[in-house]
Amino acid sequence: MLSWIYLSISIFFEVAGTLSLKYSSENDSPFWGGAVVVFYIISFSLMWIAIKKIDISVSYAVWAGLGTTLVVFGGWILFKEPMTILKLFFVSLIIIGIVGLKYLSKN
């Protein structure tokens, strides 16, 4: 169970890093570039801990899928990126896949 908590926190920092990457591309402030590096280091460090107990095939799919889903919504909320019915449909497919993998996981 603790491994899933590490994975969840890892996903949070991966999303923070990706959204910071967008901010850094729109601003000249070195803060956002530094934030990207720090967030990704934290994310990968926690992922490294999580994969000790969770199969890499499951943990990476959950990490990438949930991260992608959260970035889609973050882009919509923070950067006013368009949200379409098709985008929501495909994001829901990602979520269905994540739930399926979690149920298949032994942990």
PDB file of N, CA and C in Angstrom:
ATOM      1  N   MET A   1       0.817  -1.198   0.000  1.00  0.00           N
ATOM      2  CA  MET A   1       0.000   0.000   0.000  1.00  0.00           C
ATOM      3  C   MET A   1       0.861   1.262   0.000  1.00  0.00           C
ATOM      4  N   LEU A   2       1.938   1.236   0.754  1.00  0.00           N
ATOM      5  CA  LEU A   2       2.825   2.390   0.819  1.00  0.00           C
ATOM      6  C   LEU A   2       3.417   2.704  -0.553  1.00  0.00           C
ATOM      7  N   SER A   3       3.675   1.664  -1.332  1.00  0.00           N
ATOM      8  CA  SER A   3       4.215   1.875  -2.681  1.00  0.00           C
ATOM      9  C   SER A   3       3.245   2.658  -3.550  1.00  0.00           C
ATOM     10  N   TRP A   4       1.954   2.418  -3.392  1.00  0.00           N
ATOM     11  CA  TRP A   4       0.945   3.161  -4.163  1.00  0.00           C
ATOM     12  C   TRP A   4       0.894   4.621  -3.732  1.00  0.00           C
ATOM     13  N   ILE A   5       1.168   4.875  -2.469  1.00  0.00           N
ATOM     14  CA  ILE A   5       1.230   6.267  -1.998  1.00  0.00           C
ATOM     15  C   ILE A   5       2.430   6.963  -2.625  1.00  0.00           C
ATOM     16  N   TYR A   6       3.586   6.276  -2.640  1.00  0.00           N
ATOM     17  CA  TYR A   6       4.765   6.845  -3.298  1.00  0.00           C
ATOM     18  C   TYR A   6       4.489   7.112  -4.777  1.00  0.00           C
ATOM     19  N   LEU A   7       3.822   6.178  -5.423  1.00  0.00           N
ATOM     20  CA  LEU A   7       3.495   6.352  -6.836  1.00  0.00           C
ATOM     21  C   LEU A   7       2.567   7.549  -7.035  1.00  0.00           C
ATOM     22  N   SER A   8       1.583   7.705  -6.174  1.00  0.00           N
ATOM     23  CA  SER A   8       0.653   8.833  -6.277  1.00  0.00           C
ATOM     24  C   SER A   8       1.366  10.171  -6.109  1.00  0.00           C
ATOM     25  N   ILE A   9       2.255  10.242  -5.141  1.00  0.00           N
ATOM     26  CA  ILE A   9       3.010  11.479  -4.931  1.00  0.00           C
ATOM     27  C   ILE A   9       3.947  11.726  -6.107  1.00  0.00           C
ATOM     28  N   SER A  10       4.523  10.659  -6.642  1.00  0.00           N
ATOM     29  CA  SER A  10       5.373  10.765  -7.824  1.00  0.00           C
ATOM     30  C   SER A  10       4.604  11.357  -9.000  1.00  0.00           C
ATOM     31  N   ILE A  11       3.369  10.909  -9.180  1.00  0.00           N
ATOM     32  CA  ILE A  11       2.525  11.432 -10.257  1.00  0.00           C
ATOM     33  C   ILE A  11       2.259  12.918 -10.039  1.00  0.00           C
ATOM     34  N   PHE A  12       1.984  13.314  -8.807  1.00  0.00           N
ATOM     35  CA  PHE A  12       1.756  14.728  -8.503  1.00  0.00           C
ATOM     36  C   PHE A  12       2.958  15.569  -8.942  1.00  0.00           C
ATOM     37  N   PHE A  13       4.176  15.125  -8.592  1.00  0.00           N
ATOM     38  CA  PHE A  13       5.364  15.895  -8.950  1.00  0.00           C
ATOM     39  C   PHE A  13       5.653  15.850 -10.447  1.00  0.00           C
ATOM     40  N   GLU A  14       5.308  14.752 -11.105  1.00  0.00           N
ATOM     41  CA  GLU A  14       5.466  14.683 -12.563  1.00  0.00           C
ATOM     42  C   GLU A  14       4.553  15.691 -13.236  1.00  0.00           C
ATOM     43  N   VAL A  15       3.322  15.790 -12.773  1.00  0.00           N
ATOM     44  CA  VAL A  15       2.367  16.759 -13.328  1.00  0.00           C
ATOM     45  C   VAL A  15       2.842  18.185 -13.033  1.00  0.00           C
ATOM     46  N   ALA A  16       3.302  18.424 -11.815  1.00  0.00           N
ATOM     47  CA  ALA A  16       3.821  19.747 -11.465  1.00  0.00           C
ATOM     48  C   ALA A  16       5.006  20.111 -12.357  1.00  0.00           C
ATOM     49  N   GLY A  17       5.873  19.140 -12.630  1.00  0.00           N
ATOM     50  CA  GLY A  17       7.011  19.385 -13.513  1.00  0.00           C
ATOM     51  C   GLY A  17       6.589  19.699 -14.932  1.00  0.00           C
ATOM     52  N   THR A  18       5.618  18.966 -15.434  1.00  0.00           N
ATOM     53  CA  THR A  18       5.153  19.182 -16.801  1.00  0.00           C
ATOM     54  C   THR A  18       4.451  20.530 -16.932  1.00  0.00           C
ATOM     55  N   LEU A  19       3.612  20.876 -15.970  1.00  0.00           N
ATOM     56  CA  LEU A  19       2.949  22.183 -16.017  1.00  0.00           C
ATOM     57  C   LEU A  19       3.960  23.315 -15.836  1.00  0.00           C
ATOM     58  N   SER A  20       4.988  23.096 -15.022  1.00  0.00           N
ATOM     59  CA  SER A  20       6.056  24.088 -14.879  1.00  0.00           C
ATOM     60  C   SER A  20       6.828  24.256 -16.178  1.00  0.00           C
ATOM     61  N   LEU A  21       6.963  23.170 -16.929  1.00  0.00           N
ATOM     62  CA  LEU A  21       7.625  23.239 -18.232  1.00  0.00           C
ATOM     63  C   LEU A  21       6.873  24.188 -19.157  1.00  0.00           C
ATOM     64  N   LYS A  22       5.556  24.120 -19.120  1.00  0.00           N
ATOM     65  CA  LYS A  22       4.733  25.034 -19.920  1.00  0.00           C
ATOM     66  C   LYS A  22       4.933  26.473 -19.456  1.00  0.00           C
ATOM     67  N   TYR A  23       4.908  26.683 -18.127  1.00  0.00           N
ATOM     68  CA  TYR A  23       5.155  28.026 -17.599  1.00  0.00           C
ATOM     69  C   TYR A  23       6.530  28.537 -18.026  1.00  0.00           C
ATOM     70  N   SER A  24       7.542  27.678 -17.960  1.00  0.00           N
ATOM     71  CA  SER A  24       8.897  28.109 -18.309  1.00  0.00           C
ATOM     72  C   SER A  24       9.021  28.459 -19.783  1.00  0.00           C
ATOM     73  N   SER A  25       8.198  27.843 -20.626  1.00  0.00           N
ATOM     74  CA  SER A  25       8.249  28.168 -22.054  1.00  0.00           C
ATOM     75  C   SER A  25       7.582  29.506 -22.350  1.00  0.00           C
ATOM     76  N   GLU A  26       6.767  29.987 -21.421  1.00  0.00           N
ATOM     77  CA  GLU A  26       6.062  31.254 -21.616  1.00  0.00           C
ATOM     78  C   GLU A  26       6.683  32.412 -20.842  1.00  0.00           C
ATOM     79  N   ASN A  27       7.622  32.124 -19.961  1.00  0.00           N
ATOM     80  CA  ASN A  27       8.242  33.162 -19.128  1.00  0.00           C
ATOM     81  C   ASN A  27       9.754  33.054 -19.212  1.00  0.00           C
ATOM     82  N   ASP A  28      10.420  34.176 -18.982  1.00  0.00           N
ATOM     83  CA  ASP A  28      11.881  34.175 -18.995  1.00  0.00           C
ATOM     84  C   ASP A  28      12.477  33.940 -17.614  1.00  0.00           C
ATOM     85  N   SER A  29      11.637  33.751 -16.626  1.00  0.00           N
ATOM     86  CA  SER A  29      12.108  33.557 -15.266  1.00  0.00           C
ATOM     87  C   SER A  29      12.804  32.200 -15.121  1.00  0.00           C
ATOM     88  N   PRO A  30      14.014  32.196 -14.544  1.00  0.00           N
ATOM     89  CA  PRO A  30      14.703  30.914 -14.331  1.00  0.00           C
ATOM     90  C   PRO A  30      14.024  30.052 -13.262  1.00  0.00           C
ATOM     91  N   PHE A  31      13.106  30.646 -12.504  1.00  0.00           N
ATOM     92  CA  PHE A  31      12.412  29.896 -11.460  1.00  0.00           C
ATOM     93  C   PHE A  31      11.710  28.673 -12.028  1.00  0.00           C
ATOM     94  N   TRP A  32      10.965  28.845 -13.119  1.00  0.00           N
ATOM     95  CA  TRP A  32      10.177  27.737 -13.666  1.00  0.00           C
ATOM     96  C   TRP A  32      11.065  26.648 -14.251  1.00  0.00           C
ATOM     97  N   GLY A  33      12.184  27.031 -14.850  1.00  0.00           N
ATOM     98  CA  GLY A  33      13.126  26.022 -15.340  1.00  0.00           C
ATOM     99  C   GLY A  33      13.704  25.200 -14.203  1.00  0.00           C
ATOM    100  N   GLY A  34      14.037  25.871 -13.106  1.00  0.00           N
ATOM    101  CA  GLY A  34      14.530  25.169 -11.926  1.00  0.00           C
ATOM    102  C   GLY A  34      13.465  24.288 -11.305  1.00  0.00           C
ATOM    103  N   ALA A  35      12.231  24.784 -11.308  1.00  0.00           N
ATOM    104  CA  ALA A  35      11.121  24.001 -10.760  1.00  0.00           C
ATOM    105  C   ALA A  35      10.934  22.709 -11.548  1.00  0.00           C
ATOM    106  N   VAL A  36      11.076  22.783 -12.871  1.00  0.00           N
ATOM    107  CA  VAL A  36      10.947  21.586 -13.714  1.00  0.00           C
ATOM    108  C   VAL A  36      11.942  20.525 -13.261  1.00  0.00           C
ATOM    109  N   VAL A  37      13.191  20.920 -13.112  1.00  0.00           N
ATOM    110  CA  VAL A  37      14.247  19.979 -12.731  1.00  0.00           C
ATOM    111  C   VAL A  37      13.968  19.376 -11.352  1.00  0.00           C
ATOM    112  N   VAL A  38      13.636  20.216 -10.391  1.00  0.00           N
ATOM    113  CA  VAL A  38      13.384  19.741  -9.026  1.00  0.00           C
ATOM    114  C   VAL A  38      12.185  18.794  -8.990  1.00  0.00           C
ATOM    115  N   PHE A  39      11.095  19.185  -9.651  1.00  0.00           N
ATOM    116  CA  PHE A  39       9.897  18.344  -9.640  1.00  0.00           C
ATOM    117  C   PHE A  39      10.148  16.987 -10.293  1.00  0.00           C
ATOM    118  N   TYR A  40      10.882  16.979 -11.402  1.00  0.00           N
ATOM    119  CA  TYR A  40      11.152  15.703 -12.063  1.00  0.00           C
ATOM    120  C   TYR A  40      12.101  14.823 -11.249  1.00  0.00           C
ATOM    121  N   ILE A  41      13.074  15.422 -10.589  1.00  0.00           N
ATOM    122  CA  ILE A  41      13.965  14.634  -9.727  1.00  0.00           C
ATOM    123  C   ILE A  41      13.163  13.974  -8.605  1.00  0.00           C
ATOM    124  N   ILE A  42      12.283  14.741  -7.973  1.00  0.00           N
ATOM    125  CA  ILE A  42      11.443  14.180  -6.910  1.00  0.00           C
ATOM    126  C   ILE A  42      10.541  13.083  -7.470  1.00  0.00           C
ATOM    127  N   SER A  43       9.935  13.356  -8.624  1.00  0.00           N
ATOM    128  CA  SER A  43       9.023  12.382  -9.228  1.00  0.00           C
ATOM    129  C   SER A  43       9.723  11.062  -9.523  1.00  0.00           C
ATOM    130  N   PHE A  44      10.880  11.125 -10.180  1.00  0.00           N
ATOM    131  CA  PHE A  44      11.584   9.891 -10.527  1.00  0.00           C
ATOM    132  C   PHE A  44      12.130   9.185  -9.291  1.00  0.00           C
ATOM    133  N   SER A  45      12.518   9.935  -8.276  1.00  0.00           N
ATOM    134  CA  SER A  45      12.996   9.312  -7.037  1.00  0.00           C
ATOM    135  C   SER A  45      11.883   8.521  -6.359  1.00  0.00           C
ATOM    136  N   LEU A  46      10.694   9.102  -6.309  1.00  0.00           N
ATOM    137  CA  LEU A  46       9.559   8.399  -5.704  1.00  0.00           C
ATOM    138  C   LEU A  46       9.105   7.222  -6.563  1.00  0.00           C
ATOM    139  N   MET A  47       9.192   7.378  -7.870  1.00  0.00           N
ATOM    140  CA  MET A  47       8.850   6.273  -8.774  1.00  0.00           C
ATOM    141  C   MET A  47       9.816   5.108  -8.550  1.00  0.00           C
ATOM    142  N   TRP A  48      11.079   5.417  -8.363  1.00  0.00           N
ATOM    143  CA  TRP A  48      12.100   4.401  -8.110  1.00  0.00           C
ATOM    144  C   TRP A  48      11.759   3.599  -6.850  1.00  0.00           C
ATOM    145  N   ILE A  49      11.267   4.289  -5.829  1.00  0.00           N
ATOM    146  CA  ILE A  49      10.856   3.601  -4.600  1.00  0.00           C
ATOM    147  C   ILE A  49       9.613   2.749  -4.858  1.00  0.00           C
ATOM    148  N   ALA A  50       8.657   3.298  -5.598  1.00  0.00           N
ATOM    149  CA  ALA A  50       7.387   2.598  -5.837  1.00  0.00           C
ATOM    150  C   ALA A  50       7.579   1.303  -6.619  1.00  0.00           C
ATOM    151  N   ILE A  51       8.500   1.294  -7.591  1.00  0.00           N
ATOM    152  CA  ILE A  51       8.641   0.099  -8.437  1.00  0.00           C
ATOM    153  C   ILE A  51       9.348  -1.053  -7.729  1.00  0.00           C
ATOM    154  N   LYS A  52       9.785  -0.816  -6.513  1.00  0.00           N
ATOM    155  CA  LYS A  52      10.342  -1.925  -5.746  1.00  0.00           C
ATOM    156  C   LYS A  52       9.253  -2.933  -5.372  1.00  0.00           C
ATOM    157  N   LYS A  53       8.000  -2.471  -5.257  1.00  0.00           N
ATOM    158  CA  LYS A  53       6.897  -3.343  -4.854  1.00  0.00           C
ATOM    159  C   LYS A  53       5.795  -3.479  -5.907  1.00  0.00           C
ATOM    160  N   ILE A  54       5.758  -2.568  -6.865  1.00  0.00           N
ATOM    161  CA  ILE A  54       4.719  -2.599  -7.902  1.00  0.00           C
ATOM    162  C   ILE A  54       5.391  -2.982  -9.216  1.00  0.00           C
ATOM    163  N   ASP A  55       4.783  -3.882  -9.960  1.00  0.00           N
ATOM    164  CA  ASP A  55       5.332  -4.258 -11.268  1.00  0.00           C
ATOM    165  C   ASP A  55       5.556  -3.013 -12.114  1.00  0.00           C
ATOM    166  N   ILE A  56       6.687  -2.960 -12.801  1.00  0.00           N
ATOM    167  CA  ILE A  56       7.017  -1.792 -13.617  1.00  0.00           C
ATOM    168  C   ILE A  56       5.985  -1.579 -14.717  1.00  0.00           C
ATOM    169  N   SER A  57       5.453  -2.656 -15.268  1.00  0.00           N
ATOM    170  CA  SER A  57       4.451  -2.513 -16.331  1.00  0.00           C
ATOM    171  C   SER A  57       3.200  -1.809 -15.820  1.00  0.00           C
ATOM    172  N   VAL A  58       2.829  -2.086 -14.601  1.00  0.00           N
ATOM    173  CA  VAL A  58       1.650  -1.451 -14.011  1.00  0.00           C
ATOM    174  C   VAL A  58       1.990  -0.045 -13.527  1.00  0.00           C
ATOM    175  N   SER A  59       3.077   0.090 -12.790  1.00  0.00           N
ATOM    176  CA  SER A  59       3.405   1.392 -12.208  1.00  0.00           C
ATOM    177  C   SER A  59       3.671   2.441 -13.281  1.00  0.00           C
ATOM    178  N   TYR A  60       4.383   2.066 -14.338  1.00  0.00           N
ATOM    179  CA  TYR A  60       4.659   3.054 -15.378  1.00  0.00           C
ATOM    180  C   TYR A  60       3.394   3.429 -16.141  1.00  0.00           C
ATOM    181  N   ALA A  61       2.545   2.457 -16.415  1.00  0.00           N
ATOM    182  CA  ALA A  61       1.291   2.757 -17.116  1.00  0.00           C
ATOM    183  C   ALA A  61       0.410   3.679 -16.276  1.00  0.00           C
ATOM    184  N   VAL A  62       0.330   3.423 -14.985  1.00  0.00           N
ATOM    185  CA  VAL A  62      -0.461   4.286 -14.102  1.00  0.00           C
ATOM    186  C   VAL A  62       0.170   5.670 -14.024  1.00  0.00           C
ATOM    187  N   TRP A  63       1.487   5.724 -13.858  1.00  0.00           N
ATOM    188  CA  TRP A  63       2.211   6.992 -13.764  1.00  0.00           C
ATOM    189  C   TRP A  63       2.004   7.833 -15.023  1.00  0.00           C
ATOM    190  N   ALA A  64       2.225   7.221 -16.170  1.00  0.00           N
ATOM    191  CA  ALA A  64       2.093   7.956 -17.435  1.00  0.00           C
ATOM    192  C   ALA A  64       0.640   8.292 -17.746  1.00  0.00           C
ATOM    193  N   GLY A  65      -0.250   7.335 -17.539  1.00  0.00           N
ATOM    194  CA  GLY A  65      -1.656   7.551 -17.871  1.00  0.00           C
ATOM    195  C   GLY A  65      -2.329   8.577 -16.983  1.00  0.00           C
ATOM    196  N   LEU A  66      -2.136   8.434 -15.681  1.00  0.00           N
ATOM    197  CA  LEU A  66      -2.748   9.390 -14.766  1.00  0.00           C
ATOM    198  C   LEU A  66      -2.082  10.756 -14.891  1.00  0.00           C
ATOM    199  N   GLY A  67      -0.770  10.748 -15.094  1.00  0.00           N
ATOM    200  CA  GLY A  67      -0.069  12.013 -15.317  1.00  0.00           C
ATOM    201  C   GLY A  67      -0.587  12.731 -16.548  1.00  0.00           C
ATOM    202  N   THR A  68      -0.769  11.993 -17.629  1.00  0.00           N
ATOM    203  CA  THR A  68      -1.305  12.574 -18.857  1.00  0.00           C
ATOM    204  C   THR A  68      -2.700  13.136 -18.629  1.00  0.00           C
ATOM    205  N   THR A  69      -3.525  12.376 -17.951  1.00  0.00           N
ATOM    206  CA  THR A  69      -4.890  12.820 -17.666  1.00  0.00           C
ATOM    207  C   THR A  69      -4.890  14.117 -16.861  1.00  0.00           C
ATOM    208  N   LEU A  70      -4.077  14.177 -15.832  1.00  0.00           N
ATOM    209  CA  LEU A  70      -4.025  15.374 -14.996  1.00  0.00           C
ATOM    210  C   LEU A  70      -3.439  16.565 -15.744  1.00  0.00           C
ATOM    211  N   VAL A  71      -2.478  16.313 -16.620  1.00  0.00           N
ATOM    212  CA  VAL A  71      -1.914  17.402 -17.423  1.00  0.00           C
ATOM    213  C   VAL A  71      -2.956  17.947 -18.400  1.00  0.00           C
ATOM    214  N   VAL A  72      -3.772  17.068 -18.969  1.00  0.00           N
ATOM    215  CA  VAL A  72      -4.850  17.525 -19.857  1.00  0.00           C
ATOM    216  C   VAL A  72      -5.764  18.496 -19.106  1.00  0.00           C
ATOM    217  N   PHE A  73      -6.175  18.114 -17.898  1.00  0.00           N
ATOM    218  CA  PHE A  73      -7.055  18.992 -17.123  1.00  0.00           C
ATOM    219  C   PHE A  73      -6.319  20.236 -16.626  1.00  0.00           C
ATOM    220  N   GLY A  74      -5.041  20.086 -16.272  1.00  0.00           N
ATOM    221  CA  GLY A  74      -4.245  21.246 -15.872  1.00  0.00           C
ATOM    222  C   GLY A  74      -4.079  22.240 -17.009  1.00  0.00           C
ATOM    223  N   GLY A  75      -3.845  21.736 -18.220  1.00  0.00           N
ATOM    224  CA  GLY A  75      -3.744  22.613 -19.384  1.00  0.00           C
ATOM    225  C   GLY A  75      -5.039  23.341 -19.659  1.00  0.00           C
ATOM    226  N   TRP A  76      -6.131  22.663 -19.452  1.00  0.00           N
ATOM    227  CA  TRP A  76      -7.451  23.262 -19.657  1.00  0.00           C
ATOM    228  C   TRP A  76      -7.716  24.367 -18.626  1.00  0.00           C
ATOM    229  N   ILE A  77      -7.414  24.073 -17.355  1.00  0.00           N
ATOM    230  CA  ILE A  77      -7.706  25.026 -16.281  1.00  0.00           C
ATOM    231  C   ILE A  77      -6.701  26.180 -16.250  1.00  0.00           C
ATOM    232  N   LEU A  78      -5.414  25.856 -16.317  1.00  0.00           N
ATOM    233  CA  LEU A  78      -4.384  26.880 -16.132  1.00  0.00           C
ATOM    234  C   LEU A  78      -4.035  27.649 -17.402  1.00  0.00           C
ATOM    235  N   PHE A  79      -4.104  26.978 -18.542  1.00  0.00           N
ATOM    236  CA  PHE A  79      -3.646  27.603 -19.785  1.00  0.00           C
ATOM    237  C   PHE A  79      -4.759  27.815 -20.797  1.00  0.00           C
ATOM    238  N   LYS A  80      -5.988  27.544 -20.373  1.00  0.00           N
ATOM    239  CA  LYS A  80      -7.162  27.748 -21.240  1.00  0.00           C
ATOM    240  C   LYS A  80      -7.074  26.960 -22.546  1.00  0.00           C
ATOM    241  N   GLU A  81      -6.457  25.779 -22.482  1.00  0.00           N
ATOM    242  CA  GLU A  81      -6.404  24.915 -23.657  1.00  0.00           C
ATOM    243  C   GLU A  81      -7.801  24.356 -23.912  1.00  0.00           C
ATOM    244  N   PRO A  82      -8.155  24.118 -25.165  1.00  0.00           N
ATOM    245  CA  PRO A  82      -9.516  23.648 -25.460  1.00  0.00           C
ATOM    246  C   PRO A  82      -9.778  22.244 -24.901  1.00  0.00           C
ATOM    247  N   MET A  83     -10.998  22.056 -24.416  1.00  0.00           N
ATOM    248  CA  MET A  83     -11.444  20.747 -23.938  1.00  0.00           C
ATOM    249  C   MET A  83     -12.613  20.331 -24.824  1.00  0.00           C
ATOM    250  N   THR A  84     -12.413  19.257 -25.547  1.00  0.00           N
ATOM    251  CA  THR A  84     -13.449  18.791 -26.465  1.00  0.00           C
ATOM    252  C   THR A  84     -14.044  17.478 -25.966  1.00  0.00           C
ATOM    253  N   ILE A  85     -15.155  17.113 -26.548  1.00  0.00           N
ATOM    254  CA  ILE A  85     -15.797  15.837 -26.211  1.00  0.00           C
ATOM    255  C   ILE A  85     -14.861  14.677 -26.540  1.00  0.00           C
ATOM    256  N   LEU A  86     -14.185  14.751 -27.681  1.00  0.00           N
ATOM    257  CA  LEU A  86     -13.255  13.672 -28.047  1.00  0.00           C
ATOM    258  C   LEU A  86     -12.096  13.574 -27.063  1.00  0.00           C
ATOM    259  N   LYS A  87     -11.583  14.712 -26.625  1.00  0.00           N
ATOM    260  CA  LYS A  87     -10.493  14.696 -25.654  1.00  0.00           C
ATOM    261  C   LYS A  87     -10.963  14.046 -24.351  1.00  0.00           C
ATOM    262  N   LEU A  88     -12.147  14.408 -23.905  1.00  0.00           N
ATOM    263  CA  LEU A  88     -12.702  13.792 -22.695  1.00  0.00           C
ATOM    264  C   LEU A  88     -12.926  12.293 -22.877  1.00  0.00           C
ATOM    265  N   PHE A  89     -13.387  11.895 -24.049  1.00  0.00           N
ATOM    266  CA  PHE A  89     -13.610  10.478 -24.336  1.00  0.00           C
ATOM    267  C   PHE A  89     -12.309   9.690 -24.229  1.00  0.00           C
ATOM    268  N   PHE A  90     -11.253  10.191 -24.866  1.00  0.00           N
ATOM    269  CA  PHE A  90      -9.992   9.456 -24.854  1.00  0.00           C
ATOM    270  C   PHE A  90      -9.321   9.487 -23.480  1.00  0.00           C
ATOM    271  N   VAL A  91      -9.484  10.571 -22.747  1.00  0.00           N
ATOM    272  CA  VAL A  91      -8.979  10.608 -21.376  1.00  0.00           C
ATOM    273  C   VAL A  91      -9.722   9.582 -20.523  1.00  0.00           C
ATOM    274  N   SER A  92     -11.022   9.426 -20.754  1.00  0.00           N
ATOM    275  CA  SER A  92     -11.778   8.419 -19.999  1.00  0.00           C
ATOM    276  C   SER A  92     -11.299   7.009 -20.333  1.00  0.00           C
ATOM    277  N   LEU A  93     -10.873   6.774 -21.569  1.00  0.00           N
ATOM    278  CA  LEU A  93     -10.300   5.467 -21.919  1.00  0.00           C
ATOM    279  C   LEU A  93      -9.001   5.215 -21.161  1.00  0.00           C
ATOM    280  N   ILE A  94      -8.192   6.264 -21.001  1.00  0.00           N
ATOM    281  CA  ILE A  94      -6.960   6.134 -20.219  1.00  0.00           C
ATOM    282  C   ILE A  94      -7.303   5.737 -18.783  1.00  0.00           C
ATOM    283  N   ILE A  95      -8.280   6.409 -18.210  1.00  0.00           N
ATOM    284  CA  ILE A  95      -8.676   6.116 -16.827  1.00  0.00           C
ATOM    285  C   ILE A  95      -9.200   4.692 -16.695  1.00  0.00           C
ATOM    286  N   ILE A  96      -9.994   4.241 -17.651  1.00  0.00           N
ATOM    287  CA  ILE A  96     -10.491   2.856 -17.634  1.00  0.00           C
ATOM    288  C   ILE A  96      -9.318   1.876 -17.674  1.00  0.00           C
ATOM    289  N   GLY A  97      -8.331   2.156 -18.494  1.00  0.00           N
ATOM    290  CA  GLY A  97      -7.145   1.302 -18.563  1.00  0.00           C
ATOM    291  C   GLY A  97      -6.374   1.274 -17.254  1.00  0.00           C
ATOM    292  N   ILE A  98      -6.252   2.422 -16.602  1.00  0.00           N
ATOM    293  CA  ILE A  98      -5.552   2.496 -15.321  1.00  0.00           C
ATOM    294  C   ILE A  98      -6.281   1.665 -14.265  1.00  0.00           C
ATOM    295  N   VAL A  99      -7.591   1.805 -14.207  1.00  0.00           N
ATOM    296  CA  VAL A  99      -8.383   1.029 -13.242  1.00  0.00           C
ATOM    297  C   VAL A  99      -8.223  -0.467 -13.514  1.00  0.00           C
ATOM    298  N   GLY A 100      -8.260  -0.853 -14.779  1.00  0.00           N
ATOM    299  CA  GLY A 100      -8.081  -2.260 -15.133  1.00  0.00           C
ATOM    300  C   GLY A 100      -6.726  -2.790 -14.709  1.00  0.00           C
ATOM    301  N   LEU A 101      -5.671  -2.017 -14.933  1.00  0.00           N
ATOM    302  CA  LEU A 101      -4.332  -2.444 -14.529  1.00  0.00           C
ATOM    303  C   LEU A 101      -4.219  -2.549 -13.011  1.00  0.00           C
ATOM    304  N   LYS A 102      -4.842  -1.637 -12.302  1.00  0.00           N
ATOM    305  CA  LYS A 102      -4.801  -1.691 -10.837  1.00  0.00           C
ATOM    306  C   LYS A 102      -5.457  -2.973 -10.335  1.00  0.00           C
ATOM    307  N   TYR A 103      -6.563  -3.364 -10.948  1.00  0.00           N
ATOM    308  CA  TYR A 103      -7.231  -4.602 -10.528  1.00  0.00           C
ATOM    309  C   TYR A 103      -6.426  -5.841 -10.891  1.00  0.00           C
ATOM    310  N   LEU A 104      -5.632  -5.766 -11.943  1.00  0.00           N
ATOM    311  CA  LEU A 104      -4.794  -6.899 -12.322  1.00  0.00           C
ATOM    312  C   LEU A 104      -3.535  -7.008 -11.471  1.00  0.00           C
ATOM    313  N   SER A 105      -3.163  -5.904 -10.833  1.00  0.00           N
ATOM    314  CA  SER A 105      -1.942  -5.870 -10.037  1.00  0.00           C
ATOM    315  C   SER A 105      -2.099  -6.718  -8.779  1.00  0.00           C
ATOM    316  N   LYS A 106      -1.024  -7.399  -8.418  1.00  0.00           N
ATOM    317  CA  LYS A 106      -1.030  -8.224  -7.209  1.00  0.00           C
ATOM    318  C   LYS A 106      -0.921  -7.380  -5.947  1.00  0.00           C
ATOM    319  N   ASN A 107      -0.465  -6.162  -6.103  1.00  0.00           N
ATOM    320  CA  ASN A 107      -0.220  -5.304  -4.931  1.00  0.00           C
ATOM    321  C   ASN A 107      -1.408  -4.432  -4.684  1.00  0.00           C
TER     322      ASN A 107
END
